[in-house]
C-alpha atoms as a PDB file:
ATOM      1  CA  ASP A   1     118.206 125.414  60.462  1.00  0.00           C
ATOM      2  CA  PHE A   2     120.739 128.056  59.312  1.00  0.00           C
ATOM      3  CA  LEU A   3     123.009 127.633  62.348  1.00  0.00           C
ATOM      4  CA  GLY A   4     126.200 129.604  61.779  1.00  0.00           C
ATOM      5  CA  ALA A   5     125.003 130.989  58.445  1.00  0.00           C
ATOM      6  CA  GLY A   6     127.133 133.892  57.293  1.00  0.00           C
ATOM      7  CA  LEU A   7     129.808 133.603  59.997  1.00  0.00           C
ATOM      8  CA  ASN A   8     132.742 135.813  59.134  1.00  0.00           C
ATOM      9  CA  ASP A   9     136.282 136.166  60.503  1.00  0.00           C
ATOM     10  CA  LEU A  10     135.993 134.005  63.629  1.00  0.00           C
ATOM     11  CA  THR A  11     139.006 132.129  64.935  1.00  0.00           C
ATOM     12  CA  SER A  12     137.080 128.972  65.728  1.00  0.00           C
ATOM     13  CA  ILE A  13     133.744 127.653  66.918  1.00  0.00           C
ATOM     14  CA  MET A  14     132.653 124.221  68.077  1.00  0.00           C
ATOM     15  CA  VAL A  15     129.049 122.983  68.094  1.00  0.00           C
ATOM     16  CA  SER A  16     128.027 119.889  70.026  1.00  0.00           C
ATOM     17  CA  GLY A  17     124.860 118.251  68.740  1.00  0.00           C
ATOM     18  CA  HIS A  18     122.979 118.041  65.467  1.00  0.00           C
ATOM     19  CA  THR A  19     122.050 120.844  63.077  1.00  0.00           C
ATOM     20  CA  GLY A  20     119.285 121.330  60.526  1.00  0.00           C
ATOM     21  CA  LYS A  21     119.398 122.592  56.958  1.00  0.00           C
ATOM     22  CA  PHE A  22     121.926 125.120  55.623  1.00  0.00           C
ATOM     23  CA  ALA A  23     124.259 124.957  58.639  1.00  0.00           C
ATOM     24  CA  PHE A  24     127.292 127.217  58.172  1.00  0.00           C
ATOM     25  CA  CYS A  25     126.187 128.338  54.698  1.00  0.00           C
ATOM     26  CA  GLY A  26     128.029 131.345  53.324  1.00  0.00           C
ATOM     27  CA  MET A  27     130.741 131.063  55.980  1.00  0.00           C
ATOM     28  CA  ASP A  28     133.926 133.049  55.340  1.00  0.00           C
ATOM     29  CA  ASN A  29     137.343 132.874  57.025  1.00  0.00           C
ATOM     30  CA  CYS A  30     136.308 130.733  60.014  1.00  0.00           C
ATOM     31  CA  GLU A  31     137.171 127.365  61.464  1.00  0.00           C
ATOM     32  CA  CYS A  32     134.062 125.490  62.623  1.00  0.00           C
ATOM     33  CA  THR A  33     133.637 121.976  63.991  1.00  0.00           C
ATOM     34  CA  LEU A  34     130.340 120.150  64.389  1.00  0.00           C
ATOM     35  CA  GLU A  35     130.242 117.198  66.805  1.00  0.00           C
ATOM     36  CA  GLY A  36     127.097 115.632  65.367  1.00  0.00           C
ATOM     37  CA  ASP A  37     125.097 115.208  62.170  1.00  0.00           C
ATOM     38  CA  ALA A  38     123.939 117.940  59.789  1.00  0.00           C
ATOM     39  CA  GLY A  39     120.905 118.367  57.547  1.00  0.00           C
ATOM     40  CA  ASP A  40     120.716 119.363  53.888  1.00  0.00           C
ATOM     41  CA  TYR A  41     123.220 121.771  52.349  1.00  0.00           C
ATOM     42  CA  PHE A  42     125.844 121.757  55.089  1.00  0.00           C
ATOM     43  CA  GLY A  43     128.523 124.309  54.103  1.00  0.00           C
ATOM     44  CA  HIS A  44     126.561 125.627  51.108  1.00  0.00           C
ATOM     45  CA  SER A  45     128.364 128.539  49.389  1.00  0.00           C
ATOM     46  CA  LEU A  46     131.419 128.332  51.671  1.00  0.00           C
ATOM     47  CA  ALA A  47     133.614 131.321  50.802  1.00  0.00           C
ATOM     48  CA  SER A  48     136.726 130.226  52.727  1.00  0.00           C
ATOM     49  CA  GLY A  49     137.792 128.511  55.927  1.00  0.00           C
ATOM     50  CA  LEU A  50     137.611 125.056  57.456  1.00  0.00           C
ATOM     51  CA  LEU A  51     134.329 123.302  58.193  1.00  0.00           C
ATOM     52  CA  ILE A  52     134.418 119.879  59.879  1.00  0.00           C
ATOM     53  CA  CYS A  53     131.518 117.530  60.642  1.00  0.00           C
ATOM     54  CA  HIS A  54     132.320 114.514  62.820  1.00  0.00           C
ATOM     55  CA  GLY A  55     128.998 112.887  61.916  1.00  0.00           C
ATOM     56  CA  SER A  56     127.126 112.396  58.653  1.00  0.00           C
ATOM     57  CA  VAL A  57     125.379 114.977  56.502  1.00  0.00           C
ATOM     58  CA  ALA A  58     122.215 114.895  54.390  1.00  0.00           C
ATOM     59  CA  ASN A  59     121.940 116.093  50.786  1.00  0.00           C
ATOM     60  CA  GLY A  60     123.958 118.820  49.085  1.00  0.00           C
ATOM     61  CA  ALA A  61     127.015 119.057  51.338  1.00  0.00           C
ATOM     62  CA  GLY A  62     129.448 121.716  50.105  1.00  0.00           C
ATOM     63  CA  ALA A  63     127.157 122.838  47.283  1.00  0.00           C
ATOM     64  CA  MET A  64     128.507 125.861  45.393  1.00  0.00           C
ATOM     65  CA  ALA A  65     131.484 126.235  47.772  1.00  0.00           C
ATOM     66  CA  ARG A  66     134.117 128.603  46.361  1.00  0.00           C
ATOM     67  CA  SER A  67     137.127 128.046  48.596  1.00  0.00           C
ATOM     68  CA  GLY A  68     138.178 126.329  51.796  1.00  0.00           C
ATOM     69  CA  LEU A  69     137.567 122.785  53.022  1.00  0.00           C
ATOM     70  CA  VAL A  70     134.351 120.992  53.963  1.00  0.00           C
ATOM     71  CA  ALA A  71     135.340 117.750  55.743  1.00  0.00           C
ATOM     72  CA  VAL A  72     132.721 115.144  56.669  1.00  0.00           C
ATOM     73  CA  TYR A  73     133.971 112.171  58.690  1.00  0.00           C
ATOM     74  CA  GLY A  74     130.763 110.178  58.195  1.00  0.00           C
ATOM     75  CA  SER A  75     128.760 109.748  54.996  1.00  0.00           C
ATOM     76  CA  ALA A  76     126.905 112.230  52.799  1.00  0.00           C
ATOM     77  CA  GLY A  77     123.582 112.121  50.980  1.00  0.00           C
ATOM     78  CA  ASP A  78     122.747 112.853  47.366  1.00  0.00           C
ATOM     79  CA  ARG A  79     124.082 115.799  45.352  1.00  0.00           C
ATOM     80  CA  THR A  80     127.273 116.237  47.357  1.00  0.00           C
ATOM     81  CA  ALA A  81     129.463 119.070  46.001  1.00  0.00           C
ATOM     82  CA  ILE A  82     126.968 120.145  43.325  1.00  0.00           C
ATOM     83  CA  SER A  83     128.177 123.097  41.290  1.00  0.00           C
ATOM     84  CA  LEU A  84     131.426 123.118  43.270  1.00  0.00           C
ATOM     85  CA  ARG A  85     133.334 126.287  42.422  1.00  0.00           C
ATOM     86  CA  GLY A  86     136.813 125.827  43.853  1.00  0.00           C
ATOM     87  CA  ALA A  87     136.606 124.421  47.378  1.00  0.00           C
ATOM     88  CA  VAL A  88     137.583 120.957  48.574  1.00  0.00           C
ATOM     89  CA  VAL A  89     134.798 118.655  49.753  1.00  0.00           C
ATOM     90  CA  PHE A  90     136.064 115.639  51.688  1.00  0.00           C
ATOM     91  CA  ILE A  91     133.686 112.772  52.496  1.00  0.00           C
ATOM     92  CA  ARG A  92     135.324 109.982  54.488  1.00  0.00           C
ATOM     93  CA  GLY A  93     132.429 107.541  54.005  1.00  0.00           C
ATOM     94  CA  LYS A  94     130.055 107.081  51.091  1.00  0.00           C
ATOM     95  CA  ALA A  95     128.348 109.778  49.037  1.00  0.00           C
ATOM     96  CA  GLY A  96     124.902 109.542  47.454  1.00  0.00           C
ATOM     97  CA  ALA A  97     123.616 109.879  43.905  1.00  0.00           C
ATOM     98  CA  LEU A  98     124.668 112.718  41.606  1.00  0.00           C
ATOM     99  CA  SER A  99     127.699 113.699  43.652  1.00  0.00           C
ATOM    100  CA  GLY A 100     129.856 116.177  41.747  1.00  0.00           C
ATOM    101  CA  LEU A 101     126.862 117.255  39.650  1.00  0.00           C
ATOM    102  CA  VAL A 102     127.902 120.130  37.363  1.00  0.00           C
ATOM    103  CA  MET A 103     131.196 120.664  39.205  1.00  0.00           C
ATOM    104  CA  ARG A 104     133.071 123.637  37.811  1.00  0.00           C
ATOM    105  CA  LEU A 105     136.287 123.747  39.816  1.00  0.00           C
ATOM    106  CA  GLY A 106     137.655 122.221  43.006  1.00  0.00           C
ATOM    107  CA  THR A 107     138.156 118.763  44.469  1.00  0.00           C
ATOM    108  CA  LEU A 108     135.698 116.135  45.656  1.00  0.00           C
ATOM    109  CA  PHE A 109     137.116 113.282  47.726  1.00  0.00           C
ATOM    110  CA  ILE A 110     134.947 110.253  48.464  1.00  0.00           C
ATOM    111  CA  GLY A 111     136.523 107.695  50.782  1.00  0.00           C
ATOM    112  CA  GLY A 112     133.780 105.102  50.303  1.00  0.00           C
ATOM    113  CA  PHE A 113     131.297 104.252  47.590  1.00  0.00           C
ATOM    114  CA  ALA A 114     129.555 106.795  45.369  1.00  0.00           C
ATOM    115  CA  GLY A 115     125.935 106.665  44.250  1.00  0.00           C
ATOM    116  CA  GLU A 116     124.473 106.733  40.741  1.00  0.00           C
ATOM    117  CA  GLY A 117     125.553 109.412  38.255  1.00  0.00           C
ATOM    118  CA  LEU A 118     128.903 110.410  39.753  1.00  0.00           C
ATOM    119  CA  GLY A 119     130.220 113.512  37.953  1.00  0.00           C
ATOM    120  CA  THR A 120     127.161 114.182  35.781  1.00  0.00           C
ATOM    121  CA  GLY A 121     127.691 117.412  33.842  1.00  0.00           C
ATOM    122  CA  MET A 122     131.128 117.968  35.395  1.00  0.00           C
ATOM    123  CA  ARG A 123     132.992 120.809  33.654  1.00  0.00           C
ATOM    124  CA  GLY A 124     136.115 121.167  35.782  1.00  0.00           C
ATOM    125  CA  GLY A 125     137.884 120.016  38.915  1.00  0.00           C
ATOM    126  CA  VAL A 126     138.825 116.536  40.038  1.00  0.00           C
ATOM    127  CA  ILE A 127     137.127 113.672  41.865  1.00  0.00           C
ATOM    128  CA  PHE A 128     139.098 111.190  43.973  1.00  0.00           C
ATOM    129  CA  LEU A 129     137.225 107.981  44.706  1.00  0.00           C
ATOM    130  CA  ARG A 130     138.423 105.220  46.994  1.00  0.00           C
ATOM    131  CA  GLY A 131     135.406 102.936  46.681  1.00  0.00           C
ATOM    132  CA  ASP A 132     133.313 102.026  43.681  1.00  0.00           C
ATOM    133  CA  ALA A 133     130.389 103.633  41.874  1.00  0.00           C
ATOM    134  CA  PRO A 134     127.597 101.664  40.186  1.00  0.00           C
ATOM    135  CA  ASN A 135     127.118 104.222  37.428  1.00  0.00           C
ATOM    136  CA  ILE A 136     129.778 106.768  36.523  1.00  0.00           C
ATOM    137  CA  SER A 137     128.626 109.569  34.240  1.00  0.00           C
ATOM    138  CA  PRO A 138     129.901 109.552  30.648  1.00  0.00           C
ATOM    139  CA  ASP A 139     130.804 113.228  31.272  1.00  0.00           C
ATOM    140  CA  ILE A 140     133.913 112.166  33.221  1.00  0.00           C
ATOM    141  CA  GLU A 141     136.772 109.785  32.558  1.00  0.00           C
ATOM    142  CA  GLU A 142     139.179 107.940  34.794  1.00  0.00           C
ATOM    143  CA  HIS A 143     142.825 108.970  34.657  1.00  0.00           C
ATOM    144  CA  ARG A 144     145.932 107.298  35.954  1.00  0.00           C
ATOM    145  CA  LEU A 145     146.881 108.467  39.457  1.00  0.00           C
ATOM    146  CA  ARG A 146     150.069 110.451  38.808  1.00  0.00           C
ATOM    147  CA  GLU A 147     152.600 111.802  41.287  1.00  0.00           C
ATOM    148  CA  PRO A 148     151.036 115.314  41.408  1.00  0.00           C
ATOM    149  CA  ASP A 149     147.687 113.621  42.170  1.00  0.00           C
ATOM    150  CA  ARG A 150     149.293 111.606  44.978  1.00  0.00           C
ATOM    151  CA  LEU A 151     150.823 114.762  46.436  1.00  0.00           C
ATOM    152  CA  LYS A 152     147.520 116.675  46.245  1.00  0.00           C
ATOM    153  CA  LEU A 153     145.649 113.748  47.754  1.00  0.00           C
ATOM    154  CA  GLY A 154     148.218 113.324  50.536  1.00  0.00           C
ATOM    155  CA  LEU A 155     148.015 117.009  51.466  1.00  0.00           C
ATOM    156  CA  LEU A 156     144.215 116.873  51.405  1.00  0.00           C
ATOM    157  CA  LEU A 157     144.153 113.862  53.720  1.00  0.00           C
ATOM    158  CA  LEU A 158     146.638 115.555  56.043  1.00  0.00           C
ATOM    159  CA  LYS A 159     144.579 118.767  56.139  1.00  0.00           C
ATOM    160  CA  ALA A 160     141.450 116.707  56.883  1.00  0.00           C
ATOM    161  CA  GLY A 161     143.301 115.025  59.767  1.00  0.00           C
ATOM    162  CA  ILE A 162     143.513 111.570  58.162  1.00  0.00           C
ATOM    163  CA  LYS A 163     146.795 109.725  58.562  1.00  0.00           C
ATOM    164  CA  THR A 164     147.294 107.233  55.744  1.00  0.00           C
ATOM    165  CA  THR A 165     149.521 106.472  52.817  1.00  0.00           C
ATOM    166  CA  VAL A 166     148.233 107.195  49.344  1.00  0.00           C
ATOM    167  CA  GLY A 167     148.228 103.940  47.440  1.00  0.00           C
ATOM    168  CA  LYS A 168     146.623 102.402  44.408  1.00  0.00           C
ATOM    169  CA  GLU A 169     143.203 102.159  46.064  1.00  0.00           C
ATOM    170  CA  PHE A 170     142.335 105.682  44.875  1.00  0.00           C
ATOM    171  CA  ARG A 171     140.903 106.453  41.454  1.00  0.00           C
ATOM    172  CA  VAL A 172     140.934 109.908  39.891  1.00  0.00           C
ATOM    173  CA  PHE A 173     138.290 111.330  37.542  1.00  0.00           C
ATOM    174  CA  ARG A 174     138.326 114.479  35.468  1.00  0.00           C
ATOM    175  CA  PRO A 175     135.916 115.942  32.892  1.00  0.00           C
ATOM    176  CA  ARG A 176     135.919 114.034  29.630  1.00  0.00           C
ATOM    177  CA  THR A 177     138.119 115.659  27.016  1.00  0.00           C
ATOM    178  CA  GLU A 178     136.778 115.584  23.489  1.00  0.00           C
ATOM    179  CA  THR A 179     139.202 114.508  20.804  1.00  0.00           C
ATOM    180  CA  THR A 180     138.802 115.924  17.319  1.00  0.00           C
END
């Protein structure tokens, strides 16, 4: 637990193996790679930098992250990117229930399926979803994928090290706008 918590101003670090809860929480201005799986709250409160997990993560990945990129090449558990505050959380596989819960700002990318309650209480930011979700929160609405979205998504995929073309398989969700 708490491996790499509070790392600050390191060029790069690589960890081989699995980590427990709160790995790399509060990290700032570092580039860290994990060659394994991570427990709950991987990258919690990330201030800036690049955090990559080549395995899967448990619940709460990227929670409350303010800046930087949390990239998970496997799947993620429930409550991924809760209360996201400006960072980018990239999940290549599926994400569990209540992903994007009370998001305030930032980007959540889910390359697979999303669990129940996607985007519940979302106030800001954007969610890109490649798969499907059984129950999408009424707090968000789907928008047409526009050219600026394609550009943002393409740059995100490139930064995460994924080579692909951005096609119609992606859906974009934003907070519901009330009409008066």
